[in-house]
Amino acid sequence: MNELYDREKPFFKLLKLSNSNIIKGKLELVDTYSHIMNWLDLVIRGIFSGTIVVIASEVAKRTAIFGALITSIPIVSVLSLTWVYEDTKDTAQVADFAESILWLVLPSTLLFILLPYLLRQGWSFENSMLTGITATILAYGMGILLATSFINSN
């Protein structure tokens, strides 16, 4: 076995303090290797997700409709739902997450309504985007209130 990854070596052990162990006066040894693998998993997910965004923006430079097609597919939602399921294997949590996404898709459309309208009215890109984002944030606030009240009423 490679000495660097020998789990018996002190380098790969960390002290972990949890509330229950603090109360009991115990220290728990945790494998550093698993922490490294968790970070590596997050980095790979980030690179994969970022690659999709770069591809969509590069395609949009060549043809707006195909860039829009790639971006309109709920890639972030699909990836997020997949990551939550892979991490938890909890279908109820995934269902709740998907339902919450549904409630917040509607307010997000406000940006895509306002941005082209304001740009065609002669507004600068920066002011149009800022106005669209501000309106979307306000709509998200209302959407969260509605979703919370709907989910809590069921």
N, C-alpha and C. Protein backbone atom coordinates (compact mmCIF):
# COMPACT_ATOMS: atom_id res chain seq x y z
N MET A 1 0.85 -1.19 0.00
CA MET A 1 0.00 0.00 0.00
C MET A 1 0.89 1.25 0.00
N ASN A 2 0.48 2.26 -0.68
CA ASN A 2 1.20 3.51 -0.72
C ASN A 2 1.25 4.11 0.68
N GLU A 3 2.47 4.48 1.14
CA GLU A 3 2.61 5.00 2.49
C GLU A 3 1.80 6.26 2.72
N LEU A 4 1.68 7.09 1.68
CA LEU A 4 0.96 8.35 1.82
C LEU A 4 -0.50 8.12 2.19
N TYR A 5 -1.11 7.05 1.69
CA TYR A 5 -2.52 6.79 1.93
C TYR A 5 -2.75 5.71 2.99
N ASP A 6 -1.73 5.37 3.73
CA ASP A 6 -1.88 4.39 4.79
C ASP A 6 -2.74 5.00 5.89
N ARG A 7 -3.92 4.46 6.08
CA ARG A 7 -4.88 5.02 7.03
C ARG A 7 -4.44 4.86 8.48
N GLU A 8 -3.42 4.07 8.73
CA GLU A 8 -2.93 3.90 10.08
C GLU A 8 -1.97 5.02 10.48
N LYS A 9 -1.49 5.77 9.51
CA LYS A 9 -0.55 6.86 9.80
C LYS A 9 -1.30 8.00 10.49
N PRO A 10 -0.65 8.66 11.44
CA PRO A 10 -1.31 9.75 12.18
C PRO A 10 -1.74 10.91 11.29
N PHE A 11 -1.04 11.11 10.13
CA PHE A 11 -1.39 12.21 9.24
C PHE A 11 -2.85 12.15 8.81
N PHE A 12 -3.40 10.95 8.69
CA PHE A 12 -4.75 10.80 8.18
C PHE A 12 -5.79 10.69 9.27
N LYS A 13 -5.47 11.09 10.47
CA LYS A 13 -6.44 11.07 11.56
C LYS A 13 -6.65 12.49 12.06
N LEU A 14 -7.89 12.84 12.29
CA LEU A 14 -8.24 14.14 12.86
C LEU A 14 -9.07 13.90 14.11
N LEU A 15 -9.04 14.84 15.01
CA LEU A 15 -9.92 14.75 16.16
C LEU A 15 -11.26 15.35 15.80
N LYS A 16 -12.31 14.65 16.11
CA LYS A 16 -13.65 15.15 15.82
C LYS A 16 -14.38 15.30 17.14
N LEU A 17 -14.87 16.49 17.38
CA LEU A 17 -15.65 16.74 18.58
C LEU A 17 -17.11 16.90 18.17
N SER A 18 -17.95 16.06 18.68
CA SER A 18 -19.38 16.23 18.44
C SER A 18 -20.01 16.57 19.79
N ASN A 19 -21.20 17.14 19.75
CA ASN A 19 -21.86 17.53 20.99
C ASN A 19 -22.03 16.36 21.94
N SER A 20 -22.44 15.22 21.40
CA SER A 20 -22.65 14.07 22.27
C SER A 20 -21.34 13.58 22.87
N ASN A 21 -20.26 13.63 22.10
CA ASN A 21 -18.97 13.18 22.61
C ASN A 21 -18.38 14.17 23.60
N ILE A 22 -18.64 15.45 23.41
CA ILE A 22 -18.16 16.45 24.37
C ILE A 22 -18.82 16.21 25.72
N ILE A 23 -20.12 15.95 25.69
CA ILE A 23 -20.85 15.70 26.93
C ILE A 23 -20.31 14.45 27.61
N LYS A 24 -20.02 13.42 26.82
CA LYS A 24 -19.50 12.18 27.38
C LYS A 24 -18.01 12.27 27.70
N GLY A 25 -17.35 13.34 27.29
CA GLY A 25 -15.93 13.50 27.54
C GLY A 25 -15.06 12.64 26.65
N LYS A 26 -15.57 12.28 25.45
CA LYS A 26 -14.83 11.43 24.54
C LYS A 26 -14.39 12.22 23.31
N LEU A 27 -13.29 11.80 22.72
CA LEU A 27 -12.83 12.32 21.43
C LEU A 27 -12.94 11.19 20.43
N GLU A 28 -13.37 11.53 19.22
CA GLU A 28 -13.53 10.51 18.18
C GLU A 28 -12.52 10.78 17.07
N LEU A 29 -11.81 9.75 16.64
CA LEU A 29 -10.88 9.90 15.53
C LEU A 29 -11.63 9.74 14.21
N VAL A 30 -11.37 10.64 13.28
CA VAL A 30 -12.06 10.62 11.99
C VAL A 30 -11.01 10.51 10.89
N ASP A 31 -11.33 9.78 9.88
CA ASP A 31 -10.43 9.55 8.76
C ASP A 31 -10.37 10.80 7.88
N THR A 32 -9.21 11.39 7.71
CA THR A 32 -9.03 12.57 6.88
C THR A 32 -9.29 12.25 5.42
N TYR A 33 -9.01 11.03 5.03
CA TYR A 33 -9.21 10.61 3.64
C TYR A 33 -10.64 10.86 3.20
N SER A 34 -11.62 10.56 4.06
CA SER A 34 -13.02 10.77 3.68
C SER A 34 -13.34 12.25 3.52
N HIS A 35 -12.71 13.11 4.33
CA HIS A 35 -12.90 14.55 4.18
C HIS A 35 -12.34 15.05 2.85
N ILE A 36 -11.17 14.52 2.48
CA ILE A 36 -10.56 14.90 1.20
C ILE A 36 -11.46 14.46 0.05
N MET A 37 -12.01 13.26 0.14
CA MET A 37 -12.88 12.75 -0.92
C MET A 37 -14.17 13.57 -1.01
N ASN A 38 -14.70 14.04 0.13
CA ASN A 38 -15.89 14.89 0.10
C ASN A 38 -15.60 16.20 -0.64
N TRP A 39 -14.45 16.81 -0.37
CA TRP A 39 -14.07 18.04 -1.06
C TRP A 39 -13.84 17.78 -2.54
N LEU A 40 -13.20 16.68 -2.86
CA LEU A 40 -12.96 16.33 -4.25
C LEU A 40 -14.28 16.15 -4.99
N ASP A 41 -15.25 15.52 -4.36
CA ASP A 41 -16.57 15.33 -4.94
C ASP A 41 -17.23 16.69 -5.22
N LEU A 42 -17.13 17.62 -4.29
CA LEU A 42 -17.70 18.96 -4.49
C LEU A 42 -17.00 19.70 -5.64
N VAL A 43 -15.70 19.57 -5.73
CA VAL A 43 -14.96 20.23 -6.80
C VAL A 43 -15.37 19.66 -8.16
N ILE A 44 -15.50 18.34 -8.24
CA ILE A 44 -15.92 17.71 -9.51
C ILE A 44 -17.32 18.18 -9.89
N ARG A 45 -18.23 18.23 -8.92
CA ARG A 45 -19.58 18.72 -9.21
C ARG A 45 -19.55 20.15 -9.72
N GLY A 46 -18.73 20.99 -9.09
CA GLY A 46 -18.63 22.39 -9.49
C GLY A 46 -18.08 22.54 -10.90
N ILE A 47 -17.05 21.77 -11.21
CA ILE A 47 -16.47 21.82 -12.55
C ILE A 47 -17.48 21.36 -13.60
N PHE A 48 -18.18 20.27 -13.31
CA PHE A 48 -19.18 19.75 -14.24
C PHE A 48 -20.30 20.77 -14.46
N SER A 49 -20.81 21.33 -13.37
CA SER A 49 -21.90 22.32 -13.48
C SER A 49 -21.42 23.58 -14.20
N GLY A 50 -20.23 24.04 -13.88
CA GLY A 50 -19.68 25.23 -14.54
C GLY A 50 -19.45 25.01 -16.02
N THR A 51 -19.05 23.80 -16.39
CA THR A 51 -18.83 23.47 -17.80
C THR A 51 -20.13 23.64 -18.60
N ILE A 52 -21.24 23.25 -18.01
CA ILE A 52 -22.52 23.39 -18.70
C ILE A 52 -22.84 24.86 -18.94
N VAL A 53 -22.57 25.71 -17.97
CA VAL A 53 -22.81 27.15 -18.11
C VAL A 53 -21.93 27.72 -19.22
N VAL A 54 -20.66 27.34 -19.25
CA VAL A 54 -19.74 27.83 -20.29
C VAL A 54 -20.20 27.37 -21.67
N ILE A 55 -20.60 26.11 -21.79
CA ILE A 55 -21.08 25.60 -23.08
C ILE A 55 -22.30 26.39 -23.54
N ALA A 56 -23.24 26.63 -22.64
CA ALA A 56 -24.45 27.37 -23.00
C ALA A 56 -24.12 28.78 -23.46
N SER A 57 -23.20 29.46 -22.77
CA SER A 57 -22.87 30.83 -23.16
C SER A 57 -22.09 30.87 -24.48
N GLU A 58 -21.24 29.88 -24.71
CA GLU A 58 -20.51 29.84 -25.98
C GLU A 58 -21.45 29.53 -27.15
N VAL A 59 -22.40 28.63 -26.95
CA VAL A 59 -23.38 28.33 -28.00
C VAL A 59 -24.24 29.56 -28.27
N ALA A 60 -24.61 30.29 -27.21
CA ALA A 60 -25.45 31.49 -27.36
C ALA A 60 -24.75 32.57 -28.19
N LYS A 61 -23.41 32.61 -28.14
CA LYS A 61 -22.68 33.59 -28.95
C LYS A 61 -22.85 33.30 -30.44
N ARG A 62 -23.03 32.03 -30.78
CA ARG A 62 -23.14 31.64 -32.19
C ARG A 62 -24.60 31.66 -32.66
N THR A 63 -25.49 31.17 -31.82
CA THR A 63 -26.91 31.15 -32.17
C THR A 63 -27.74 31.28 -30.90
N ALA A 64 -28.51 32.35 -30.82
CA ALA A 64 -29.26 32.66 -29.61
C ALA A 64 -30.27 31.57 -29.26
N ILE A 65 -30.94 31.00 -30.26
CA ILE A 65 -32.00 30.04 -29.98
C ILE A 65 -31.45 28.75 -29.36
N PHE A 66 -30.29 28.27 -29.84
CA PHE A 66 -29.73 27.04 -29.26
C PHE A 66 -29.12 27.31 -27.89
N GLY A 67 -28.54 28.49 -27.71
CA GLY A 67 -28.07 28.87 -26.37
C GLY A 67 -29.22 28.94 -25.40
N ALA A 68 -30.33 29.50 -25.86
CA ALA A 68 -31.54 29.59 -25.02
C ALA A 68 -32.10 28.20 -24.72
N LEU A 69 -32.04 27.32 -25.71
CA LEU A 69 -32.53 25.96 -25.50
C LEU A 69 -31.74 25.26 -24.39
N ILE A 70 -30.41 25.35 -24.47
CA ILE A 70 -29.57 24.72 -23.45
C ILE A 70 -29.85 25.34 -22.08
N THR A 71 -29.99 26.66 -22.03
CA THR A 71 -30.20 27.33 -20.76
C THR A 71 -31.61 27.13 -20.22
N SER A 72 -32.57 26.95 -21.10
CA SER A 72 -33.95 26.81 -20.62
C SER A 72 -34.23 25.44 -20.02
N ILE A 73 -33.42 24.47 -20.40
CA ILE A 73 -33.55 23.16 -19.76
C ILE A 73 -33.16 23.37 -18.30
N PRO A 74 -33.95 22.90 -17.39
CA PRO A 74 -33.65 23.19 -15.97
C PRO A 74 -32.45 22.39 -15.47
N ILE A 75 -31.29 22.66 -16.09
CA ILE A 75 -30.08 21.90 -15.79
C ILE A 75 -29.68 22.04 -14.33
N VAL A 76 -29.71 23.26 -13.82
CA VAL A 76 -29.33 23.46 -12.41
C VAL A 76 -30.27 22.68 -11.50
N SER A 77 -31.55 22.72 -11.81
CA SER A 77 -32.52 21.98 -10.99
C SER A 77 -32.29 20.49 -11.08
N VAL A 78 -32.09 19.99 -12.29
CA VAL A 78 -31.88 18.55 -12.48
C VAL A 78 -30.61 18.11 -11.76
N LEU A 79 -29.53 18.87 -11.93
CA LEU A 79 -28.29 18.52 -11.25
C LEU A 79 -28.45 18.58 -9.73
N SER A 80 -29.10 19.62 -9.24
CA SER A 80 -29.29 19.76 -7.80
C SER A 80 -30.15 18.62 -7.24
N LEU A 81 -31.22 18.28 -7.94
CA LEU A 81 -32.06 17.17 -7.50
C LEU A 81 -31.26 15.86 -7.49
N THR A 82 -30.44 15.68 -8.51
CA THR A 82 -29.60 14.48 -8.59
C THR A 82 -28.60 14.44 -7.44
N TRP A 83 -27.94 15.58 -7.17
CA TRP A 83 -26.94 15.61 -6.09
C TRP A 83 -27.61 15.35 -4.74
N VAL A 84 -28.79 15.94 -4.51
CA VAL A 84 -29.49 15.71 -3.23
C VAL A 84 -29.84 14.24 -3.09
N TYR A 85 -30.34 13.64 -4.16
CA TYR A 85 -30.69 12.21 -4.07
C TYR A 85 -29.44 11.36 -3.84
N GLU A 86 -28.37 11.64 -4.58
CA GLU A 86 -27.13 10.86 -4.42
C GLU A 86 -26.57 10.98 -3.01
N ASP A 87 -26.70 12.18 -2.41
CA ASP A 87 -26.17 12.39 -1.07
C ASP A 87 -27.04 11.77 0.02
N THR A 88 -28.38 11.80 -0.18
CA THR A 88 -29.29 11.40 0.90
C THR A 88 -30.04 10.11 0.64
N LYS A 89 -30.28 9.78 -0.63
CA LYS A 89 -31.14 8.65 -1.01
C LYS A 89 -32.55 8.80 -0.42
N ASP A 90 -32.92 10.04 -0.11
CA ASP A 90 -34.21 10.33 0.52
C ASP A 90 -35.15 10.92 -0.53
N THR A 91 -36.07 10.09 -1.04
CA THR A 91 -36.98 10.55 -2.09
C THR A 91 -37.97 11.60 -1.59
N ALA A 92 -38.33 11.54 -0.31
CA ALA A 92 -39.23 12.56 0.24
C ALA A 92 -38.56 13.94 0.23
N GLN A 93 -37.28 13.98 0.57
CA GLN A 93 -36.55 15.25 0.55
C GLN A 93 -36.42 15.77 -0.88
N VAL A 94 -36.19 14.88 -1.83
CA VAL A 94 -36.09 15.27 -3.24
C VAL A 94 -37.44 15.80 -3.72
N ALA A 95 -38.52 15.14 -3.33
CA ALA A 95 -39.87 15.60 -3.73
C ALA A 95 -40.16 16.99 -3.16
N ASP A 96 -39.82 17.22 -1.90
CA ASP A 96 -40.03 18.54 -1.29
C ASP A 96 -39.20 19.60 -2.01
N PHE A 97 -37.96 19.25 -2.34
CA PHE A 97 -37.07 20.16 -3.05
C PHE A 97 -37.63 20.50 -4.43
N ALA A 98 -38.10 19.48 -5.15
CA ALA A 98 -38.67 19.69 -6.49
C ALA A 98 -39.91 20.58 -6.43
N GLU A 99 -40.75 20.35 -5.43
CA GLU A 99 -41.95 21.17 -5.28
C GLU A 99 -41.59 22.62 -4.96
N SER A 100 -40.57 22.80 -4.14
CA SER A 100 -40.12 24.16 -3.82
C SER A 100 -39.57 24.86 -5.06
N ILE A 101 -38.85 24.12 -5.89
CA ILE A 101 -38.34 24.69 -7.14
C ILE A 101 -39.51 25.15 -8.02
N LEU A 102 -40.54 24.32 -8.10
CA LEU A 102 -41.70 24.66 -8.91
C LEU A 102 -42.30 26.00 -8.48
N TRP A 103 -42.44 26.18 -7.17
CA TRP A 103 -43.01 27.43 -6.67
C TRP A 103 -42.15 28.65 -7.00
N LEU A 104 -40.85 28.44 -7.17
CA LEU A 104 -39.97 29.58 -7.41
C LEU A 104 -39.60 29.76 -8.88
N VAL A 105 -40.05 28.87 -9.75
CA VAL A 105 -39.82 29.06 -11.19
C VAL A 105 -40.65 30.24 -11.69
N LEU A 106 -41.85 30.35 -11.23
CA LEU A 106 -42.73 31.43 -11.71
C LEU A 106 -42.16 32.82 -11.44
N PRO A 107 -41.69 33.12 -10.23
CA PRO A 107 -41.12 34.45 -10.01
C PRO A 107 -39.86 34.70 -10.86
N SER A 108 -39.11 33.64 -11.18
CA SER A 108 -37.88 33.83 -11.96
C SER A 108 -38.16 34.27 -13.38
N THR A 109 -39.36 34.01 -13.88
CA THR A 109 -39.69 34.44 -15.24
C THR A 109 -39.78 35.95 -15.37
N LEU A 110 -39.96 36.64 -14.26
CA LEU A 110 -40.05 38.10 -14.30
C LEU A 110 -38.79 38.73 -14.90
N LEU A 111 -37.63 38.19 -14.58
CA LEU A 111 -36.38 38.69 -15.16
C LEU A 111 -36.41 38.59 -16.67
N PHE A 112 -36.89 37.48 -17.19
CA PHE A 112 -36.88 37.25 -18.63
C PHE A 112 -37.98 38.01 -19.36
N ILE A 113 -38.93 38.51 -18.63
CA ILE A 113 -39.94 39.39 -19.21
C ILE A 113 -39.42 40.83 -19.22
N LEU A 114 -38.87 41.26 -18.08
CA LEU A 114 -38.42 42.65 -17.96
C LEU A 114 -37.16 42.96 -18.76
N LEU A 115 -36.18 42.07 -18.74
CA LEU A 115 -34.90 42.36 -19.38
C LEU A 115 -35.03 42.70 -20.87
N PRO A 116 -35.65 41.86 -21.68
CA PRO A 116 -35.74 42.26 -23.11
C PRO A 116 -36.61 43.50 -23.32
N TYR A 117 -37.66 43.64 -22.51
CA TYR A 117 -38.53 44.81 -22.64
C TYR A 117 -37.75 46.09 -22.38
N LEU A 118 -37.01 46.12 -21.26
CA LEU A 118 -36.25 47.33 -20.91
C LEU A 118 -35.13 47.61 -21.90
N LEU A 119 -34.46 46.57 -22.37
CA LEU A 119 -33.39 46.77 -23.36
C LEU A 119 -33.96 47.37 -24.65
N ARG A 120 -35.13 46.90 -25.05
CA ARG A 120 -35.76 47.42 -26.28
C ARG A 120 -36.31 48.83 -26.09
N GLN A 121 -36.48 49.24 -24.83
CA GLN A 121 -36.92 50.61 -24.54
C GLN A 121 -35.73 51.57 -24.46
N GLY A 122 -34.51 51.05 -24.69
CA GLY A 122 -33.33 51.90 -24.71
C GLY A 122 -32.57 51.95 -23.39
N TRP A 123 -32.97 51.18 -22.40
CA TRP A 123 -32.24 51.15 -21.14
C TRP A 123 -30.88 50.49 -21.37
N SER A 124 -29.91 50.86 -20.55
CA SER A 124 -28.60 50.21 -20.64
C SER A 124 -28.72 48.77 -20.12
N PHE A 125 -27.77 47.93 -20.52
CA PHE A 125 -27.78 46.54 -20.06
C PHE A 125 -27.72 46.48 -18.54
N GLU A 126 -26.82 47.27 -17.95
CA GLU A 126 -26.63 47.23 -16.50
C GLU A 126 -27.90 47.61 -15.74
N ASN A 127 -28.55 48.71 -16.17
CA ASN A 127 -29.77 49.15 -15.50
C ASN A 127 -30.93 48.17 -15.73
N SER A 128 -31.00 47.63 -16.94
CA SER A 128 -32.04 46.64 -17.23
C SER A 128 -31.87 45.39 -16.37
N MET A 129 -30.63 44.92 -16.28
CA MET A 129 -30.35 43.72 -15.49
C MET A 129 -30.61 43.98 -14.01
N LEU A 130 -30.16 45.12 -13.51
CA LEU A 130 -30.38 45.46 -12.10
C LEU A 130 -31.86 45.55 -11.78
N THR A 131 -32.63 46.17 -12.65
CA THR A 131 -34.08 46.28 -12.44
C THR A 131 -34.73 44.90 -12.49
N GLY A 132 -34.34 44.10 -13.47
CA GLY A 132 -34.89 42.75 -13.58
C GLY A 132 -34.56 41.89 -12.37
N ILE A 133 -33.32 41.97 -11.91
CA ILE A 133 -32.91 41.18 -10.74
C ILE A 133 -33.64 41.66 -9.49
N THR A 134 -33.75 42.97 -9.32
CA THR A 134 -34.46 43.51 -8.16
C THR A 134 -35.92 43.07 -8.16
N ALA A 135 -36.58 43.18 -9.31
CA ALA A 135 -37.98 42.74 -9.41
C ALA A 135 -38.10 41.24 -9.13
N THR A 136 -37.13 40.48 -9.61
CA THR A 136 -37.15 39.03 -9.40
C THR A 136 -36.97 38.70 -7.93
N ILE A 137 -36.07 39.41 -7.25
CA ILE A 137 -35.87 39.19 -5.81
C ILE A 137 -37.16 39.47 -5.04
N LEU A 138 -37.83 40.56 -5.39
CA LEU A 138 -39.11 40.88 -4.74
C LEU A 138 -40.15 39.80 -5.03
N ALA A 139 -40.18 39.33 -6.27
CA ALA A 139 -41.12 38.27 -6.64
C ALA A 139 -40.78 36.97 -5.92
N TYR A 140 -39.47 36.69 -5.75
CA TYR A 140 -39.06 35.51 -4.98
C TYR A 140 -39.58 35.60 -3.55
N GLY A 141 -39.46 36.77 -2.95
CA GLY A 141 -39.98 36.96 -1.59
C GLY A 141 -41.45 36.62 -1.50
N MET A 142 -42.22 37.11 -2.47
CA MET A 142 -43.66 36.78 -2.48
C MET A 142 -43.86 35.29 -2.75
N GLY A 143 -43.05 34.73 -3.66
CA GLY A 143 -43.16 33.30 -3.96
C GLY A 143 -42.85 32.43 -2.76
N ILE A 144 -41.83 32.82 -2.00
CA ILE A 144 -41.48 32.07 -0.80
C ILE A 144 -42.61 32.14 0.22
N LEU A 145 -43.19 33.31 0.37
CA LEU A 145 -44.33 33.44 1.30
C LEU A 145 -45.50 32.56 0.87
N LEU A 146 -45.82 32.59 -0.43
CA LEU A 146 -46.92 31.77 -0.93
C LEU A 146 -46.60 30.28 -0.80
N ALA A 147 -45.38 29.89 -1.17
CA ALA A 147 -45.01 28.47 -1.09
C ALA A 147 -45.03 27.99 0.36
N THR A 148 -44.51 28.80 1.26
CA THR A 148 -44.49 28.42 2.67
C THR A 148 -45.90 28.27 3.21
N SER A 149 -46.77 29.20 2.87
CA SER A 149 -48.15 29.12 3.37
C SER A 149 -48.88 27.93 2.74
N PHE A 150 -48.61 27.63 1.44
CA PHE A 150 -49.25 26.50 0.80
C PHE A 150 -48.74 25.19 1.37
N ILE A 151 -47.43 25.07 1.52
CA ILE A 151 -46.84 23.82 2.02
C ILE A 151 -47.26 23.59 3.48
N ASN A 152 -47.31 24.66 4.27
CA ASN A 152 -47.71 24.52 5.67
C ASN A 152 -49.19 24.23 5.83
N SER A 153 -50.02 24.63 4.84
CA SER A 153 -51.46 24.38 4.95
C SER A 153 -51.81 22.94 4.60
N ASN A 154 -50.90 22.23 3.94
CA ASN A 154 -51.16 20.83 3.55
C ASN A 154 -50.76 19.89 4.61
